[in-house]
Amino acid sequence: MNIVIVYGTIVTNVDFRFIYDRYGYDKDNIEKYSHVSIASCKFKLLNESIITIYGYDDVADFMLRNLNINGGIYIEGNLDNEGKIEIKEYEKIYHKQL
């Protein structure tokens, strides 16, 4: 995975989902699960490219609560094999539009 630092705007609503273990969920032993939730959305870069960004757990919660269409955000993350960015660090920018 490559590290990327990008700036852009959100172009779709955030899709939030819970991740369930196919072998059964054990609420008493939550530590054995690496991720509990995932959120994703489309993201437009300054060069007009549109990519998918996603995050797990706390990042997913931030995305669901704080990201709106046309909202700006700085992202530091990892570029995966499918060309999507997994968010590791973020900072929301308050402005109208690029």
Protein backbone atom coordinates (compact mmCIF):
# COMPACT_ATOMS: atom_id res chain seq x y z
CA MET A 1 0.00 0.00 0.00
CA ASN A 2 1.18 3.50 -0.85
CA ILE A 3 0.71 6.50 1.43
CA VAL A 4 -1.30 9.35 -0.09
CA ILE A 5 -2.16 12.85 1.11
CA VAL A 6 -5.01 14.47 -0.83
CA TYR A 7 -7.54 17.27 -0.64
CA GLY A 8 -10.96 17.30 -2.23
CA THR A 9 -14.71 17.33 -1.72
CA ILE A 10 -17.32 14.70 -0.98
CA VAL A 11 -19.64 14.03 -3.96
CA THR A 12 -21.96 11.30 -2.58
CA ASN A 13 -23.62 10.51 0.71
CA VAL A 14 -21.65 8.37 3.15
CA ASP A 15 -22.54 4.67 3.06
CA PHE A 16 -22.17 3.26 6.61
CA ARG A 17 -22.29 -0.47 7.31
CA PHE A 18 -21.62 -2.82 10.18
CA ILE A 19 -19.27 -5.74 9.57
CA TYR A 20 -20.53 -9.10 10.81
CA ASP A 21 -18.39 -12.15 11.29
CA ARG A 22 -19.72 -15.01 9.17
CA TYR A 23 -18.90 -17.43 12.00
CA GLY A 24 -21.01 -15.59 14.54
CA TYR A 25 -20.64 -12.46 16.62
CA ASP A 26 -19.37 -12.79 20.19
CA LYS A 27 -20.20 -9.58 22.08
CA ASP A 28 -18.22 -10.78 25.11
CA ASN A 29 -15.02 -11.13 23.09
CA ILE A 30 -15.06 -8.04 20.83
CA GLU A 31 -11.24 -7.81 20.89
CA LYS A 32 -10.95 -10.72 18.44
CA TYR A 33 -12.58 -8.66 15.67
CA SER A 34 -10.30 -6.32 13.76
CA HIS A 35 -13.09 -3.98 12.51
CA VAL A 36 -16.71 -3.47 13.50
CA SER A 37 -17.92 -0.86 10.98
CA ILE A 38 -17.00 0.63 7.61
CA ALA A 39 -18.05 3.81 5.82
CA SER A 40 -17.33 4.83 2.24
CA CYS A 41 -18.17 7.57 -0.26
CA LYS A 42 -17.02 9.12 -3.52
CA PHE A 43 -14.41 11.88 -3.33
CA LYS A 44 -13.51 14.47 -5.99
CA LEU A 45 -9.89 15.61 -6.18
CA LEU A 46 -8.76 19.04 -7.39
CA ASN A 47 -7.97 17.58 -10.84
CA GLU A 48 -11.64 16.44 -11.16
CA SER A 49 -10.80 12.74 -10.63
CA ILE A 50 -13.41 10.86 -8.60
CA ILE A 51 -12.22 8.08 -6.29
CA THR A 52 -13.68 6.04 -3.44
CA ILE A 53 -12.56 6.68 0.13
CA TYR A 54 -13.34 4.49 3.12
CA GLY A 55 -12.55 4.14 6.79
CA TYR A 56 -13.09 1.69 9.61
CA ASP A 57 -14.50 2.08 13.13
CA ASP A 58 -13.68 5.57 14.56
CA VAL A 59 -12.96 6.98 11.10
CA ALA A 60 -16.25 5.50 9.83
CA ASP A 61 -18.07 7.16 12.73
CA PHE A 62 -16.44 10.51 11.89
CA MET A 63 -17.40 10.12 8.23
CA LEU A 64 -21.03 9.36 9.04
CA ARG A 65 -21.45 12.25 11.49
CA ASN A 66 -19.40 14.98 9.82
CA LEU A 67 -19.07 14.55 6.06
CA ASN A 68 -21.61 16.18 3.78
CA ILE A 69 -21.85 16.49 0.01
CA ASN A 70 -19.55 19.32 -1.21
CA GLY A 71 -17.73 19.31 2.13
CA GLY A 72 -13.94 19.67 1.91
CA ILE A 73 -11.52 17.38 3.69
CA TYR A 74 -7.78 16.69 3.84
CA ILE A 75 -7.02 12.98 3.91
CA GLU A 76 -3.91 10.99 4.72
CA GLY A 77 -4.27 7.32 4.02
CA ASN A 78 -3.23 4.25 2.09
CA LEU A 79 -3.95 3.57 -1.57
CA ASP A 80 -5.15 -0.02 -1.92
CA ASN A 81 -4.92 -2.37 -4.91
CA GLU A 82 -8.30 -1.24 -6.27
CA GLY A 83 -7.38 2.46 -6.34
CA LYS A 84 -9.42 3.29 -3.23
CA ILE A 85 -8.04 5.25 -0.29
CA GLU A 86 -8.29 3.89 3.25
CA ILE A 87 -8.39 6.94 5.53
CA LYS A 88 -5.92 6.98 8.42
CA GLU A 89 -5.87 10.71 9.32
CA TYR A 90 -8.26 13.50 8.31
CA GLU A 91 -9.10 17.12 8.82
CA LYS A 92 -12.44 18.59 7.82
CA ILE A 93 -12.28 21.97 6.09
CA TYR A 94 -15.20 24.34 6.47
CA HIS A 95 -15.90 26.13 3.19
CA LYS A 96 -18.67 26.31 0.63
CA GLN A 97 -17.17 24.57 -2.39
CA LEU A 98 -13.99 24.22 -4.45
